[in-house]
Structure formats: structure tokens, C-alpha cells
Amino acid sequence: VQLVESGGGLVQVGGSLRLACAVSGFTFGDYAVGWFRQAPGREREGVSCLSTNDGTTYYLDSVKGRFTMSSDRAKNTVYLQMNSLKPEDTAVYYCAAVLGSIDDHYYFSDLNEYDHWGQGTRVTVSS
């Protein structure tokens, strides 16, 4: 299984970015993808999750209404659309995958729920 993130970069406050996580080795519909982020000096935190079997999503409270996950079955890719970006969104963003689905909000941000990780993509929000 391989996960490849893309789409990070430098953006001004209030701007938007779309991150992509291309998945290989899993069949669409059989896995869930989570997005995590890690800012300097801080622990990695769960941002959102999407289960590809039914499209169920979960979000960290601080990104609700600003971030949206989606997926493309044909490309076997999951996206994180980030709008109204704030300086506190600055971090390295990682996607992670697990076979099956994430069925409870309690688990989506638990790093131990995921078996496969991408290399990360850096997002910097400048003020």
C-alpha cells in the first residue's frame, strides 16, 4: 500500500488549498483515509477522515465548516479542501489509510487506527 500526498504550499490567511492523497494497493470502497497534521513542537493531530465505502466523514472541531473531504473513485484519490485558512493551520499534513471503515467519531483521530502513512506535505499559512 502506498499513499502519496500532494497539494501543499504557501498561502495567505483566508486562502485555500486542496490536498490530494493518491492511494495504491487498496481498492476504493474498502478503506478509510484520515488526514493528520503536525505543527513544529506539537503532537500529530487528526484533522478529518473519510470512509470510502459510504462517504462518511468526521472532522476536528476547529476545521468544521472550513475543511471538506471528498474522493474520486476513478483516481483512487482522496482530497482535503481547505478554505479560510488560518496561521494555526500551518503544519505538515499526512494522509493515512486503514482497511475497512472508521465508524465512530471517537476513533478517527487515533493514530493507532491507521496502518499506512504518506510522506507528508507542508502547508504554510502566512499572515
Protein backbone atom coordinates (compact mmCIF):
# COMPACT_ATOMS: atom_id res chain seq x y z
CA VAL A 1 0.00 0.00 0.00
CA GLN A 2 1.33 3.41 -0.94
CA LEU A 3 -0.03 6.84 -0.14
CA VAL A 4 1.26 9.92 -1.92
CA GLU A 5 0.21 13.38 -0.78
CA SER A 6 0.34 16.48 -2.90
CA GLY A 7 -1.03 20.00 -2.94
CA GLY A 8 0.71 21.65 -0.03
CA GLY A 9 2.30 25.06 -0.28
CA LEU A 10 2.35 28.62 0.94
CA VAL A 11 -0.91 30.55 1.14
CA GLN A 12 -2.09 33.74 2.76
CA VAL A 13 -4.57 33.91 5.60
CA GLY A 14 -8.06 33.33 4.27
CA GLY A 15 -6.80 31.45 1.25
CA SER A 16 -7.48 27.91 0.10
CA LEU A 17 -5.55 24.77 -0.74
CA ARG A 18 -6.59 21.32 -1.85
CA LEU A 19 -4.52 18.40 -0.69
CA ALA A 20 -4.66 15.08 -2.51
CA CYS A 21 -3.84 11.61 -1.27
CA ALA A 22 -3.36 9.08 -4.06
CA VAL A 23 -3.86 5.55 -2.79
CA SER A 24 -2.43 2.43 -4.36
CA GLY A 25 -2.71 -1.11 -3.08
CA PHE A 26 -6.23 -0.69 -1.70
CA THR A 27 -9.46 -0.92 -3.67
CA PHE A 28 -11.74 2.08 -3.49
CA GLY A 29 -14.62 1.29 -1.18
CA ASP A 30 -12.51 -0.98 1.01
CA TYR A 31 -10.62 1.60 3.06
CA ALA A 32 -10.77 4.76 5.10
CA VAL A 33 -8.39 7.69 4.84
CA GLY A 34 -7.57 10.12 7.59
CA TRP A 35 -5.76 13.43 7.37
CA PHE A 36 -3.45 14.36 10.20
CA ARG A 37 -1.23 17.36 10.77
CA GLN A 38 1.80 18.11 12.85
CA ALA A 39 2.98 21.59 13.65
CA PRO A 40 6.50 22.25 14.97
CA GLY A 41 6.78 21.25 18.61
CA ARG A 42 3.31 19.76 18.70
CA GLU A 43 1.86 16.28 18.56
CA ARG A 44 0.31 14.95 15.40
CA GLU A 45 -3.44 15.52 15.47
CA GLY A 46 -6.30 14.09 13.47
CA VAL A 47 -7.98 16.58 11.18
CA SER A 48 -10.54 14.54 9.29
CA CYS A 49 -11.45 11.13 7.99
CA LEU A 50 -13.44 9.68 5.11
CA SER A 51 -14.59 6.10 4.71
CA THR A 52 -14.73 5.25 1.03
CA ASN A 53 -17.42 2.58 1.42
CA ASP A 54 -20.14 5.10 2.24
CA GLY A 55 -18.52 8.54 2.26
CA THR A 56 -18.91 9.09 5.99
CA THR A 57 -16.68 11.90 7.20
CA TYR A 58 -15.51 13.21 10.55
CA TYR A 59 -13.74 16.48 11.31
CA LEU A 60 -11.76 18.11 14.05
CA ASP A 61 -13.94 20.79 15.62
CA SER A 62 -11.55 23.61 14.72
CA VAL A 63 -11.78 22.83 10.98
CA LYS A 64 -15.51 22.12 10.69
CA GLY A 65 -17.09 24.38 8.12
CA ARG A 66 -13.70 25.19 6.59
CA PHE A 67 -12.28 21.82 5.53
CA THR A 68 -14.06 19.26 3.39
CA MET A 69 -13.01 15.77 2.37
CA SER A 70 -14.01 14.20 -0.93
CA SER A 71 -12.94 11.32 -3.07
CA ASP A 72 -12.55 10.24 -6.69
CA ARG A 73 -13.18 6.56 -7.28
CA ALA A 74 -11.66 6.56 -10.77
CA LYS A 75 -8.42 8.06 -9.50
CA ASN A 76 -8.47 6.21 -6.18
CA THR A 77 -7.68 9.51 -4.57
CA VAL A 78 -8.98 11.33 -1.52
CA TYR A 79 -8.91 15.10 -1.18
CA LEU A 80 -8.90 17.63 1.60
CA GLN A 81 -10.24 21.01 0.54
CA MET A 82 -9.07 23.65 2.99
CA ASN A 83 -10.74 27.05 2.91
CA SER A 84 -10.46 30.14 5.10
CA LEU A 85 -7.03 29.05 6.19
CA LYS A 86 -5.59 30.42 9.41
CA PRO A 87 -1.99 30.66 10.66
CA GLU A 88 -2.76 27.89 13.15
CA ASP A 89 -3.40 25.54 10.22
CA THR A 90 0.30 25.67 9.39
CA ALA A 91 1.71 22.15 9.66
CA VAL A 92 2.89 19.14 7.77
CA TYR A 93 -0.19 17.26 6.64
CA TYR A 94 -0.19 13.49 6.39
CA CYS A 95 -2.74 11.11 4.98
CA ALA A 96 -3.15 7.68 6.48
CA ALA A 97 -5.20 4.67 5.47
CA VAL A 98 -6.73 1.60 7.02
CA LEU A 99 -8.63 -1.30 5.52
CA GLY A 100 -12.28 -1.05 6.44
CA SER A 101 -14.09 1.99 7.72
CA ILE A 102 -13.99 4.38 10.63
CA ASP A 103 -17.41 4.05 12.20
CA ASP A 104 -17.20 6.32 15.18
CA HIS A 105 -16.07 9.89 15.64
CA TYR A 106 -14.16 8.76 18.71
CA TYR A 107 -11.66 6.80 16.61
CA PHE A 108 -10.99 8.94 13.56
CA SER A 109 -8.20 10.93 15.17
CA ASP A 110 -6.44 7.96 16.78
CA LEU A 111 -3.13 7.41 15.02
CA ASN A 112 -3.22 3.74 16.01
CA GLU A 113 -6.34 3.18 13.88
CA TYR A 114 -4.31 3.59 10.69
CA ASP A 115 -1.79 1.19 9.21
CA HIS A 116 -0.32 3.09 6.29
CA TRP A 117 1.04 6.62 6.07
CA GLY A 118 2.15 9.01 3.41
CA GLN A 119 5.29 11.10 3.50
CA GLY A 120 3.55 14.39 4.30
CA THR A 121 3.06 17.69 2.54
CA ARG A 122 3.80 21.05 4.11
CA VAL A 123 1.16 23.75 4.43
CA THR A 124 2.20 27.23 5.48
CA VAL A 125 -0.36 29.95 6.10
CA SER A 126 1.19 33.39 6.24
CA SER A 127 -0.25 36.46 7.86
